[in-house]
Amino acid sequence: MLKLNLTIKRDPLVLNENGINILDAKEPVKETISSVLGKNSRDKTLSKRGERLRELVDSLDKTVPNHCEYWINRKFNYQEKDFKKYFR
């Protein structure tokens, strides 16, 4: 069983709804959990736990079907090869 108790707070005086700092236009939030789950679901690389987490996140947002796929950030396209240098 996977249990999550999350609280995500965003200060609207610092970050806008896209995660961009309104003071200096930098992006401290490059990619959301929803986007990462959506990409991995699309690419069929989620574990069973990951798939359950995606289902949970999808069920929390009633405004769009398939929340995680809907919010995929297409500006970032990481591949496994990009991370190999960190795991030698």
PDB file of N, CA and C in Angstrom:
ATOM      1  N   MET A   1       0.846  -1.167   0.000  1.00  0.00           N
ATOM      2  CA  MET A   1       0.000   0.000   0.000  1.00  0.00           C
ATOM      3  C   MET A   1       0.896   1.237   0.000  1.00  0.00           C
ATOM      4  N   LEU A   2       0.545   2.177  -0.805  1.00  0.00           N
ATOM      5  CA  LEU A   2       1.279   3.427  -0.908  1.00  0.00           C
ATOM      6  C   LEU A   2       0.445   4.524  -0.281  1.00  0.00           C
ATOM      7  N   LYS A   3       0.999   5.173   0.740  1.00  0.00           N
ATOM      8  CA  LYS A   3       0.293   6.283   1.378  1.00  0.00           C
ATOM      9  C   LYS A   3       1.135   7.541   1.230  1.00  0.00           C
ATOM     10  N   LEU A   4       0.488   8.603   0.838  1.00  0.00           N
ATOM     11  CA  LEU A   4       1.166   9.885   0.694  1.00  0.00           C
ATOM     12  C   LEU A   4       0.412  10.947   1.457  1.00  0.00           C
ATOM     13  N   ASN A   5       1.142  11.776   2.129  1.00  0.00           N
ATOM     14  CA  ASN A   5       0.562  12.929   2.796  1.00  0.00           C
ATOM     15  C   ASN A   5       1.407  14.122   2.358  1.00  0.00           C
ATOM     16  N   LEU A   6       0.959  14.801   1.321  1.00  0.00           N
ATOM     17  CA  LEU A   6       1.743  15.873   0.721  1.00  0.00           C
ATOM     18  C   LEU A   6       1.075  17.225   0.915  1.00  0.00           C
ATOM     19  N   THR A   7       1.894  18.206   1.148  1.00  0.00           N
ATOM     20  CA  THR A   7       1.441  19.582   1.149  1.00  0.00           C
ATOM     21  C   THR A   7       2.396  20.359   0.256  1.00  0.00           C
ATOM     22  N   ILE A   8       1.874  20.924  -0.789  1.00  0.00           N
ATOM     23  CA  ILE A   8       2.692  21.713  -1.699  1.00  0.00           C
ATOM     24  C   ILE A   8       2.225  23.151  -1.597  1.00  0.00           C
ATOM     25  N   LYS A   9       3.162  24.006  -1.228  1.00  0.00           N
ATOM     26  CA  LYS A   9       2.829  25.417  -1.073  1.00  0.00           C
ATOM     27  C   LYS A   9       3.620  26.229  -2.090  1.00  0.00           C
ATOM     28  N   ARG A  10       2.944  27.144  -2.708  1.00  0.00           N
ATOM     29  CA  ARG A  10       3.578  28.028  -3.680  1.00  0.00           C
ATOM     30  C   ARG A  10       3.250  29.451  -3.274  1.00  0.00           C
ATOM     31  N   ASP A  11       4.261  30.238  -3.093  1.00  0.00           N
ATOM     32  CA  ASP A  11       4.055  31.640  -2.753  1.00  0.00           C
ATOM     33  C   ASP A  11       3.784  32.405  -4.048  1.00  0.00           C
ATOM     34  N   PRO A  12       2.548  32.887  -4.261  1.00  0.00           N
ATOM     35  CA  PRO A  12       2.224  33.578  -5.506  1.00  0.00           C
ATOM     36  C   PRO A  12       2.979  34.891  -5.683  1.00  0.00           C
ATOM     37  N   LEU A  13       3.628  35.347  -4.637  1.00  0.00           N
ATOM     38  CA  LEU A  13       4.430  36.554  -4.761  1.00  0.00           C
ATOM     39  C   LEU A  13       5.826  36.249  -5.287  1.00  0.00           C
ATOM     40  N   VAL A  14       6.160  34.957  -5.385  1.00  0.00           N
ATOM     41  CA  VAL A  14       7.484  34.562  -5.854  1.00  0.00           C
ATOM     42  C   VAL A  14       7.407  33.718  -7.123  1.00  0.00           C
ATOM     43  N   LEU A  15       6.555  32.678  -7.122  1.00  0.00           N
ATOM     44  CA  LEU A  15       6.438  31.803  -8.288  1.00  0.00           C
ATOM     45  C   LEU A  15       5.058  31.922  -8.909  1.00  0.00           C
ATOM     46  N   ASN A  16       5.005  31.993 -10.222  1.00  0.00           N
ATOM     47  CA  ASN A  16       3.697  31.990 -10.874  1.00  0.00           C
ATOM     48  C   ASN A  16       3.210  30.553 -11.035  1.00  0.00           C
ATOM     49  N   GLU A  17       2.071  30.360 -11.654  1.00  0.00           N
ATOM     50  CA  GLU A  17       1.483  29.022 -11.773  1.00  0.00           C
ATOM     51  C   GLU A  17       2.304  28.080 -12.642  1.00  0.00           C
ATOM     52  N   ASN A  18       3.245  28.603 -13.417  1.00  0.00           N
ATOM     53  CA  ASN A  18       4.115  27.769 -14.255  1.00  0.00           C
ATOM     54  C   ASN A  18       5.455  27.482 -13.593  1.00  0.00           C
ATOM     55  N   GLY A  19       5.620  27.909 -12.326  1.00  0.00           N
ATOM     56  CA  GLY A  19       6.858  27.651 -11.606  1.00  0.00           C
ATOM     57  C   GLY A  19       7.974  28.618 -11.936  1.00  0.00           C
ATOM     58  N   ILE A  20       7.653  29.733 -12.572  1.00  0.00           N
ATOM     59  CA  ILE A  20       8.668  30.724 -12.939  1.00  0.00           C
ATOM     60  C   ILE A  20       8.717  31.801 -11.863  1.00  0.00           C
ATOM     61  N   ASN A  21       9.924  32.133 -11.422  1.00  0.00           N
ATOM     62  CA  ASN A  21      10.128  33.168 -10.423  1.00  0.00           C
ATOM     63  C   ASN A  21       9.750  34.511 -11.040  1.00  0.00           C
ATOM     64  N   ILE A  22       8.777  35.204 -10.456  1.00  0.00           N
ATOM     65  CA  ILE A  22       8.309  36.458 -11.050  1.00  0.00           C
ATOM     66  C   ILE A  22       9.281  37.607 -10.823  1.00  0.00           C
ATOM     67  N   LEU A  23      10.267  37.407  -9.940  1.00  0.00           N
ATOM     68  CA  LEU A  23      11.231  38.466  -9.677  1.00  0.00           C
ATOM     69  C   LEU A  23      12.374  38.487 -10.687  1.00  0.00           C
ATOM     70  N   ASP A  24      12.837  37.301 -11.109  1.00  0.00           N
ATOM     71  CA  ASP A  24      13.974  37.259 -12.027  1.00  0.00           C
ATOM     72  C   ASP A  24      13.741  36.384 -13.263  1.00  0.00           C
ATOM     73  N   ALA A  25      12.537  35.869 -13.435  1.00  0.00           N
ATOM     74  CA  ALA A  25      12.132  35.065 -14.603  1.00  0.00           C
ATOM     75  C   ALA A  25      12.906  33.747 -14.732  1.00  0.00           C
ATOM     76  N   LYS A  26      13.544  33.296 -13.650  1.00  0.00           N
ATOM     77  CA  LYS A  26      14.223  31.997 -13.678  1.00  0.00           C
ATOM     78  C   LYS A  26      13.217  30.898 -13.376  1.00  0.00           C
ATOM     79  N   GLU A  27      13.572  29.686 -13.741  1.00  0.00           N
ATOM     80  CA  GLU A  27      12.699  28.535 -13.541  1.00  0.00           C
ATOM     81  C   GLU A  27      13.279  27.591 -12.487  1.00  0.00           C
ATOM     82  N   PRO A  28      13.057  27.854 -11.198  1.00  0.00           N
ATOM     83  CA  PRO A  28      13.567  26.935 -10.181  1.00  0.00           C
ATOM     84  C   PRO A  28      12.863  25.585 -10.234  1.00  0.00           C
ATOM     85  N   VAL A  29      11.645  25.569 -10.721  1.00  0.00           N
ATOM     86  CA  VAL A  29      10.903  24.315 -10.888  1.00  0.00           C
ATOM     87  C   VAL A  29      10.960  23.968 -12.365  1.00  0.00           C
ATOM     88  N   LYS A  30      11.860  23.056 -12.718  1.00  0.00           N
ATOM     89  CA  LYS A  30      12.046  22.724 -14.132  1.00  0.00           C
ATOM     90  C   LYS A  30      10.960  21.792 -14.647  1.00  0.00           C
ATOM     91  N   GLU A  31      10.586  20.822 -13.826  1.00  0.00           N
ATOM     92  CA  GLU A  31       9.608  19.858 -14.292  1.00  0.00           C
ATOM     93  C   GLU A  31       8.837  19.325 -13.090  1.00  0.00           C
ATOM     94  N   THR A  32       7.550  19.163 -13.261  1.00  0.00           N
ATOM     95  CA  THR A  32       6.706  18.722 -12.158  1.00  0.00           C
ATOM     96  C   THR A  32       6.696  17.203 -12.048  1.00  0.00           C
ATOM     97  N   ILE A  33       6.283  16.725 -10.890  1.00  0.00           N
ATOM     98  CA  ILE A  33       6.108  15.291 -10.689  1.00  0.00           C
ATOM     99  C   ILE A  33       5.105  14.749 -11.698  1.00  0.00           C
ATOM    100  N   SER A  34       4.037  15.502 -11.922  1.00  0.00           N
ATOM    101  CA  SER A  34       3.018  15.071 -12.886  1.00  0.00           C
ATOM    102  C   SER A  34       3.621  14.872 -14.272  1.00  0.00           C
ATOM    103  N   SER A  35       4.471  15.785 -14.690  1.00  0.00           N
ATOM    104  CA  SER A  35       5.100  15.692 -15.998  1.00  0.00           C
ATOM    105  C   SER A  35       5.997  14.457 -16.090  1.00  0.00           C
ATOM    106  N   VAL A  36       6.791  14.223 -15.066  1.00  0.00           N
ATOM    107  CA  VAL A  36       7.692  13.062 -15.058  1.00  0.00           C
ATOM    108  C   VAL A  36       6.884  11.768 -15.075  1.00  0.00           C
ATOM    109  N   LEU A  37       5.823  11.707 -14.257  1.00  0.00           N
ATOM    110  CA  LEU A  37       4.962  10.518 -14.254  1.00  0.00           C
ATOM    111  C   LEU A  37       4.301  10.325 -15.615  1.00  0.00           C
ATOM    112  N   GLY A  38       3.858  11.423 -16.221  1.00  0.00           N
ATOM    113  CA  GLY A  38       3.223  11.342 -17.536  1.00  0.00           C
ATOM    114  C   GLY A  38       4.163  10.816 -18.601  1.00  0.00           C
ATOM    115  N   LYS A  39       5.406  11.306 -18.604  1.00  0.00           N
ATOM    116  CA  LYS A  39       6.383  10.849 -19.591  1.00  0.00           C
ATOM    117  C   LYS A  39       6.711   9.375 -19.397  1.00  0.00           C
ATOM    118  N   ASN A  40       6.907   8.980 -18.142  1.00  0.00           N
ATOM    119  CA  ASN A  40       7.240   7.579 -17.881  1.00  0.00           C
ATOM    120  C   ASN A  40       6.063   6.661 -18.167  1.00  0.00           C
ATOM    121  N   SER A  41       4.857   7.129 -17.934  1.00  0.00           N
ATOM    122  CA  SER A  41       3.674   6.335 -18.262  1.00  0.00           C
ATOM    123  C   SER A  41       3.559   6.181 -19.780  1.00  0.00           C
ATOM    124  N   ARG A  42       3.748   7.282 -20.485  1.00  0.00           N
ATOM    125  CA  ARG A  42       3.703   7.267 -21.957  1.00  0.00           C
ATOM    126  C   ARG A  42       4.747   6.299 -22.532  1.00  0.00           C
ATOM    127  N   ASP A  43       5.947   6.314 -21.929  1.00  0.00           N
ATOM    128  CA  ASP A  43       7.051   5.484 -22.419  1.00  0.00           C
ATOM    129  C   ASP A  43       7.036   4.077 -21.832  1.00  0.00           C
ATOM    130  N   LYS A  44       6.046   3.809 -20.974  1.00  0.00           N
ATOM    131  CA  LYS A  44       5.875   2.496 -20.339  1.00  0.00           C
ATOM    132  C   LYS A  44       7.105   2.087 -19.527  1.00  0.00           C
ATOM    133  N   THR A  45       7.638   3.047 -18.747  1.00  0.00           N
ATOM    134  CA  THR A  45       8.804   2.760 -17.913  1.00  0.00           C
ATOM    135  C   THR A  45       8.504   2.899 -16.423  1.00  0.00           C
ATOM    136  N   LEU A  46       7.227   2.989 -16.064  1.00  0.00           N
ATOM    137  CA  LEU A  46       6.875   3.090 -14.650  1.00  0.00           C
ATOM    138  C   LEU A  46       6.849   1.708 -14.002  1.00  0.00           C
ATOM    139  N   SER A  47       7.328   1.660 -12.771  1.00  0.00           N
ATOM    140  CA  SER A  47       7.195   0.431 -11.986  1.00  0.00           C
ATOM    141  C   SER A  47       5.734   0.297 -11.555  1.00  0.00           C
ATOM    142  N   LYS A  48       5.407  -0.796 -10.896  1.00  0.00           N
ATOM    143  CA  LYS A  48       4.036  -0.962 -10.411  1.00  0.00           C
ATOM    144  C   LYS A  48       3.683   0.141  -9.414  1.00  0.00           C
ATOM    145  N   ARG A  49       4.620   0.471  -8.539  1.00  0.00           N
ATOM    146  CA  ARG A  49       4.367   1.565  -7.585  1.00  0.00           C
ATOM    147  C   ARG A  49       4.218   2.898  -8.303  1.00  0.00           C
ATOM    148  N   GLY A  50       5.050   3.114  -9.293  1.00  0.00           N
ATOM    149  CA  GLY A  50       4.954   4.347 -10.076  1.00  0.00           C
ATOM    150  C   GLY A  50       3.622   4.462 -10.785  1.00  0.00           C
ATOM    151  N   GLU A  51       3.147   3.342 -11.305  1.00  0.00           N
ATOM    152  CA  GLU A  51       1.853   3.332 -11.982  1.00  0.00           C
ATOM    153  C   GLU A  51       0.729   3.641 -10.994  1.00  0.00           C
ATOM    154  N   ARG A  52       0.829   3.097  -9.776  1.00  0.00           N
ATOM    155  CA  ARG A  52      -0.193   3.396  -8.757  1.00  0.00           C
ATOM    156  C   ARG A  52      -0.143   4.867  -8.361  1.00  0.00           C
ATOM    157  N   LEU A  53       1.062   5.421  -8.266  1.00  0.00           N
ATOM    158  CA  LEU A  53       1.195   6.838  -7.939  1.00  0.00           C
ATOM    159  C   LEU A  53       0.583   7.693  -9.049  1.00  0.00           C
ATOM    160  N   ARG A  54       0.833   7.319 -10.312  1.00  0.00           N
ATOM    161  CA  ARG A  54       0.246   8.059 -11.430  1.00  0.00           C
ATOM    162  C   ARG A  54      -1.275   7.996 -11.381  1.00  0.00           C
ATOM    163  N   GLU A  55      -1.813   6.829 -11.093  1.00  0.00           N
ATOM    164  CA  GLU A  55      -3.267   6.683 -10.988  1.00  0.00           C
ATOM    165  C   GLU A  55      -3.819   7.562  -9.873  1.00  0.00           C
ATOM    166  N   LEU A  56      -3.100   7.620  -8.757  1.00  0.00           N
ATOM    167  CA  LEU A  56      -3.529   8.465  -7.641  1.00  0.00           C
ATOM    168  C   LEU A  56      -3.526   9.937  -8.040  1.00  0.00           C
ATOM    169  N   VAL A  57      -2.429  10.380  -8.635  1.00  0.00           N
ATOM    170  CA  VAL A  57      -2.325  11.787  -9.046  1.00  0.00           C
ATOM    171  C   VAL A  57      -3.398  12.110 -10.081  1.00  0.00           C
ATOM    172  N   ASP A  58      -3.607  11.205 -11.038  1.00  0.00           N
ATOM    173  CA  ASP A  58      -4.657  11.421 -12.045  1.00  0.00           C
ATOM    174  C   ASP A  58      -6.027  11.558 -11.390  1.00  0.00           C
ATOM    175  N   SER A  59      -6.280  10.765 -10.357  1.00  0.00           N
ATOM    176  CA  SER A  59      -7.604  10.785  -9.715  1.00  0.00           C
ATOM    177  C   SER A  59      -7.843  12.052  -8.897  1.00  0.00           C
ATOM    178  N   LEU A  60      -6.774  12.730  -8.501  1.00  0.00           N
ATOM    179  CA  LEU A  60      -6.925  13.935  -7.684  1.00  0.00           C
ATOM    180  C   LEU A  60      -7.392  15.145  -8.490  1.00  0.00           C
ATOM    181  N   ASP A  61      -7.064  15.176  -9.765  1.00  0.00           N
ATOM    182  CA  ASP A  61      -7.438  16.306 -10.612  1.00  0.00           C
ATOM    183  C   ASP A  61      -8.645  15.919 -11.461  1.00  0.00           C
ATOM    184  N   LYS A  62      -9.779  16.461 -11.122  1.00  0.00           N
ATOM    185  CA  LYS A  62     -11.016  16.145 -11.851  1.00  0.00           C
ATOM    186  C   LYS A  62     -11.250  17.089 -13.030  1.00  0.00           C
ATOM    187  N   THR A  63     -10.359  18.078 -13.217  1.00  0.00           N
ATOM    188  CA  THR A  63     -10.582  19.075 -14.268  1.00  0.00           C
ATOM    189  C   THR A  63     -10.151  18.602 -15.650  1.00  0.00           C
ATOM    190  N   VAL A  64      -9.193  17.671 -15.700  1.00  0.00           N
ATOM    191  CA  VAL A  64      -8.734  17.144 -16.984  1.00  0.00           C
ATOM    192  C   VAL A  64      -8.606  15.630 -16.892  1.00  0.00           C
ATOM    193  N   PRO A  65      -8.908  14.922 -17.979  1.00  0.00           N
ATOM    194  CA  PRO A  65      -8.648  13.475 -17.958  1.00  0.00           C
ATOM    195  C   PRO A  65      -7.150  13.236 -18.109  1.00  0.00           C
ATOM    196  N   ASN A  66      -6.646  12.191 -17.498  1.00  0.00           N
ATOM    197  CA  ASN A  66      -5.222  11.843 -17.610  1.00  0.00           C
ATOM    198  C   ASN A  66      -4.315  13.023 -17.235  1.00  0.00           C
ATOM    199  N   HIS A  67      -4.465  13.492 -16.012  1.00  0.00           N
ATOM    200  CA  HIS A  67      -3.735  14.659 -15.505  1.00  0.00           C
ATOM    201  C   HIS A  67      -2.244  14.602 -15.852  1.00  0.00           C
ATOM    202  N   CYS A  68      -1.593  13.485 -15.565  1.00  0.00           N
ATOM    203  CA  CYS A  68      -0.143  13.410 -15.762  1.00  0.00           C
ATOM    204  C   CYS A  68       0.253  13.569 -17.224  1.00  0.00           C
ATOM    205  N   GLU A  69      -0.473  12.927 -18.116  1.00  0.00           N
ATOM    206  CA  GLU A  69      -0.167  13.073 -19.544  1.00  0.00           C
ATOM    207  C   GLU A  69      -0.501  14.483 -20.034  1.00  0.00           C
ATOM    208  N   TYR A  70      -1.560  15.056 -19.509  1.00  0.00           N
ATOM    209  CA  TYR A  70      -1.968  16.405 -19.905  1.00  0.00           C
ATOM    210  C   TYR A  70      -0.890  17.431 -19.558  1.00  0.00           C
ATOM    211  N   TRP A  71      -0.242  17.249 -18.397  1.00  0.00           N
ATOM    212  CA  TRP A  71       0.729  18.238 -17.920  1.00  0.00           C
ATOM    213  C   TRP A  71       2.170  17.901 -18.271  1.00  0.00           C
ATOM    214  N   ILE A  72       2.393  17.045 -19.256  1.00  0.00           N
ATOM    215  CA  ILE A  72       3.765  16.762 -19.689  1.00  0.00           C
ATOM    216  C   ILE A  72       4.405  18.065 -20.180  1.00  0.00           C
ATOM    217  N   ASN A  73       5.588  18.341 -19.644  1.00  0.00           N
ATOM    218  CA  ASN A  73       6.336  19.528 -20.044  1.00  0.00           C
ATOM    219  C   ASN A  73       7.202  19.133 -21.236  1.00  0.00           C
ATOM    220  N   ARG A  74       6.823  19.565 -22.419  1.00  0.00           N
ATOM    221  CA  ARG A  74       7.520  19.163 -23.631  1.00  0.00           C
ATOM    222  C   ARG A  74       8.822  19.932 -23.867  1.00  0.00           C
ATOM    223  N   LYS A  75       9.100  20.914 -23.012  1.00  0.00           N
ATOM    224  CA  LYS A  75      10.365  21.648 -23.138  1.00  0.00           C
ATOM    225  C   LYS A  75      11.540  20.812 -22.662  1.00  0.00           C
ATOM    226  N   PHE A  76      11.273  19.798 -21.828  1.00  0.00           N
ATOM    227  CA  PHE A  76      12.343  18.974 -21.276  1.00  0.00           C
ATOM    228  C   PHE A  76      12.175  17.553 -21.769  1.00  0.00           C
ATOM    229  N   ASN A  77      13.228  17.018 -22.347  1.00  0.00           N
ATOM    230  CA  ASN A  77      13.170  15.675 -22.905  1.00  0.00           C
ATOM    231  C   ASN A  77      14.405  14.909 -22.460  1.00  0.00           C
ATOM    232  N   TYR A  78      14.401  14.473 -21.214  1.00  0.00           N
ATOM    233  CA  TYR A  78      15.540  13.742 -20.673  1.00  0.00           C
ATOM    234  C   TYR A  78      15.483  12.291 -21.107  1.00  0.00           C
ATOM    235  N   GLN A  79      16.620  11.745 -21.345  1.00  0.00           N
ATOM    236  CA  GLN A  79      16.736  10.331 -21.692  1.00  0.00           C
ATOM    237  C   GLN A  79      17.674   9.681 -20.686  1.00  0.00           C
ATOM    238  N   GLU A  80      17.632   8.370 -20.623  1.00  0.00           N
ATOM    239  CA  GLU A  80      18.469   7.639 -19.677  1.00  0.00           C
ATOM    240  C   GLU A  80      19.945   7.985 -19.855  1.00  0.00           C
ATOM    241  N   LYS A  81      20.384   8.171 -21.094  1.00  0.00           N
ATOM    242  CA  LYS A  81      21.785   8.475 -21.362  1.00  0.00           C
ATOM    243  C   LYS A  81      22.217   9.780 -20.697  1.00  0.00           C
ATOM    244  N   ASP A  82      21.281  10.712 -20.484  1.00  0.00           N
ATOM    245  CA  ASP A  82      21.614  11.985 -19.867  1.00  0.00           C
ATOM    246  C   ASP A  82      22.004  11.825 -18.399  1.00  0.00           C
ATOM    247  N   PHE A  83      21.576  10.724 -17.770  1.00  0.00           N
ATOM    248  CA  PHE A  83      21.823  10.536 -16.353  1.00  0.00           C
ATOM    249  C   PHE A  83      22.935   9.528 -16.068  1.00  0.00           C
ATOM    250  N   LYS A  84      23.431   8.847 -17.061  1.00  0.00           N
ATOM    251  CA  LYS A  84      24.465   7.835 -16.850  1.00  0.00           C
ATOM    252  C   LYS A  84      25.709   8.438 -16.212  1.00  0.00           C
ATOM    253  N   LYS A  85      26.042   9.674 -16.527  1.00  0.00           N
ATOM    254  CA  LYS A  85      27.244  10.306 -15.972  1.00  0.00           C
ATOM    255  C   LYS A  85      27.148  10.472 -14.459  1.00  0.00           C
ATOM    256  N   TYR A  86      25.919  10.489 -13.919  1.00  0.00           N
ATOM    257  CA  TYR A  86      25.744  10.647 -12.483  1.00  0.00           C
ATOM    258  C   TYR A  86      25.794   9.322 -11.720  1.00  0.00           C
ATOM    259  N   PHE A  87      25.712   8.213 -12.437  1.00  0.00           N
ATOM    260  CA  PHE A  87      25.621   6.904 -11.787  1.00  0.00           C
ATOM    261  C   PHE A  87      26.753   5.984 -12.269  1.00  0.00           C
ATOM    262  N   ARG A  88      27.970   6.418 -12.102  1.00  0.00           N
ATOM    263  CA  ARG A  88      29.129   5.597 -12.527  1.00  0.00           C
ATOM    264  C   ARG A  88      29.587   4.716 -11.396  1.00  0.00           C
TER     265      ARG A  88
END
